[in-house]
Amino acid sequence: MTLNADIVREVLLQVECHRAQQEGIDLQINGQAAETISEHVRLLCEGGYLEARPVGHSAGTVWKPVCLTCLGRDFLDVAIFEMAWITAKDALHDKGGALTLEALSAALRSVAREMLVSP
């Protein structure tokens, strides 16, 4: 599976809009299969951006987010601004490197620093 930056952002935004739920939060993202969303939730959990839990179903295991972590909130503090988000994604695309959560976070931190310094 290839990491999709827009799905990452949307998962974190949706989790932020919910109160923490031990049973997990049901997410729906337009045009995305449940398996794709679940895999992104798992990766975000493994990366420390959110807490999530695996829930067994007849079709297999589905990862459901429970709440954001401090790292996830820090990520969203910048990613929530559309211009910062587009700038960070474009910077990664221009460099041609692999899209990872760490690379995406680093690009957002760089954009945030530029925003703080710019008049």
Protein backbone atom coordinates (compact mmCIF):
# COMPACT_ATOMS: atom_id res chain seq x y z
CA MET A 1 0.00 0.00 0.00
CA THR A 2 1.17 3.49 -0.82
CA LEU A 3 0.78 6.16 1.83
CA ASN A 4 -1.65 8.86 0.72
CA ALA A 5 -0.93 12.23 2.35
CA ASP A 6 -4.51 13.46 1.93
CA ILE A 7 -5.91 10.37 3.64
CA VAL A 8 -3.42 10.86 6.49
CA ARG A 9 -4.61 14.44 6.95
CA GLU A 10 -8.30 13.56 6.70
CA VAL A 11 -8.00 10.71 9.23
CA LEU A 12 -6.33 13.03 11.73
CA LEU A 13 -8.87 15.81 11.11
CA GLN A 14 -11.80 13.46 11.62
CA VAL A 15 -10.32 11.99 14.80
CA GLU A 16 -9.77 15.49 16.15
CA CYS A 17 -13.49 16.22 15.69
CA HIS A 18 -14.49 13.29 17.93
CA ARG A 19 -14.09 12.73 21.61
CA ALA A 20 -11.87 9.80 22.51
CA GLN A 21 -13.81 6.55 22.20
CA GLN A 22 -12.38 3.34 23.59
CA GLU A 23 -14.36 1.26 21.10
CA GLY A 24 -12.83 3.25 18.25
CA ILE A 25 -14.13 5.90 15.90
CA ASP A 26 -15.83 4.90 12.65
CA LEU A 27 -14.32 6.88 9.79
CA GLN A 28 -15.58 7.48 6.29
CA ILE A 29 -13.56 9.28 3.66
CA ASN A 30 -15.21 9.91 0.31
CA GLY A 31 -14.00 7.57 -2.38
CA GLN A 32 -11.78 5.49 -0.07
CA ALA A 33 -12.23 1.82 0.72
CA ALA A 34 -12.55 0.84 4.35
CA GLU A 35 -9.40 -1.28 4.02
CA THR A 36 -7.38 1.73 2.82
CA ILE A 37 -8.60 3.88 5.70
CA SER A 38 -7.88 1.08 8.18
CA GLU A 39 -4.32 0.65 6.88
CA HIS A 40 -3.67 4.39 7.18
CA VAL A 41 -5.03 4.32 10.75
CA ARG A 42 -2.66 1.44 11.56
CA LEU A 43 0.33 3.29 10.12
CA LEU A 44 -0.59 6.47 12.01
CA CYS A 45 -0.86 4.44 15.20
CA GLU A 46 2.50 2.77 14.64
CA GLY A 47 4.01 6.18 13.90
CA GLY A 48 2.69 7.60 17.16
CA TYR A 49 0.24 10.09 15.63
CA LEU A 50 -2.86 8.53 17.14
CA GLU A 51 -4.01 5.77 19.42
CA ALA A 52 -5.95 3.04 17.66
CA ARG A 53 -7.09 -0.49 18.23
CA PRO A 54 -7.61 -3.47 15.98
CA VAL A 55 -11.17 -4.70 15.85
CA GLY A 56 -11.87 -8.17 14.47
CA HIS A 57 -14.65 -8.60 11.92
CA SER A 58 -15.73 -11.46 9.71
CA ALA A 59 -13.88 -9.76 6.84
CA GLY A 60 -10.68 -9.42 8.88
CA THR A 61 -9.15 -6.89 11.22
CA VAL A 62 -10.09 -3.23 10.98
CA TRP A 63 -8.05 -0.54 12.74
CA LYS A 64 -10.15 2.11 14.44
CA PRO A 65 -8.71 5.32 15.87
CA VAL A 66 -9.36 6.13 19.52
CA CYS A 67 -7.76 9.58 19.90
CA LEU A 68 -4.90 11.80 18.72
CA THR A 69 -1.55 11.82 20.47
CA CYS A 70 0.54 14.94 21.11
CA LEU A 71 2.47 14.18 17.92
CA GLY A 72 -0.78 13.96 15.96
CA ARG A 73 -1.98 17.29 17.37
CA ASP A 74 1.35 18.93 16.52
CA PHE A 75 1.03 17.62 12.96
CA LEU A 76 -2.47 19.06 12.64
CA ASP A 77 -1.47 22.43 14.09
CA VAL A 78 0.19 23.11 10.74
CA ALA A 79 -1.62 20.67 8.40
CA ILE A 80 -4.98 22.26 9.17
CA PHE A 81 -3.97 25.33 7.13
CA GLU A 82 -4.64 24.58 3.47
CA MET A 83 -1.76 26.68 2.14
CA ALA A 84 0.74 25.05 4.52
CA TRP A 85 -0.56 21.62 3.56
CA ILE A 86 -0.26 22.26 -0.18
CA THR A 87 3.21 23.79 0.23
CA ALA A 88 4.47 20.81 2.25
CA LYS A 89 3.05 18.25 -0.22
CA ASP A 90 4.49 20.16 -3.17
CA ALA A 91 7.92 20.31 -1.53
CA LEU A 92 7.92 16.53 -1.06
CA HIS A 93 6.72 15.95 -4.59
CA ASP A 94 9.40 18.25 -6.03
CA LYS A 95 12.15 16.36 -4.20
CA GLY A 96 10.85 13.07 -5.55
CA GLY A 97 11.48 11.12 -2.37
CA ALA A 98 9.31 8.45 -0.86
CA LEU A 99 6.28 9.70 1.02
CA THR A 100 6.63 8.69 4.65
CA LEU A 101 4.99 10.05 7.77
CA GLU A 102 8.38 11.36 8.93
CA ALA A 103 9.05 13.11 5.60
CA LEU A 104 5.57 14.65 5.65
CA SER A 105 6.03 15.83 9.24
CA ALA A 106 9.45 17.29 8.42
CA ALA A 107 8.02 19.16 5.43
CA LEU A 108 5.24 20.58 7.61
CA ARG A 109 7.74 21.65 10.28
CA SER A 110 9.79 23.40 7.60
CA VAL A 111 6.70 25.21 6.30
CA ALA A 112 5.76 26.21 9.85
CA ARG A 113 9.22 27.69 10.44
CA GLU A 114 8.93 29.69 7.21
CA MET A 115 5.48 30.93 8.26
CA LEU A 116 6.87 32.12 11.58
CA VAL A 117 9.77 33.98 9.98
CA SER A 118 7.85 35.55 7.08
CA PRO A 119 6.44 39.04 7.62
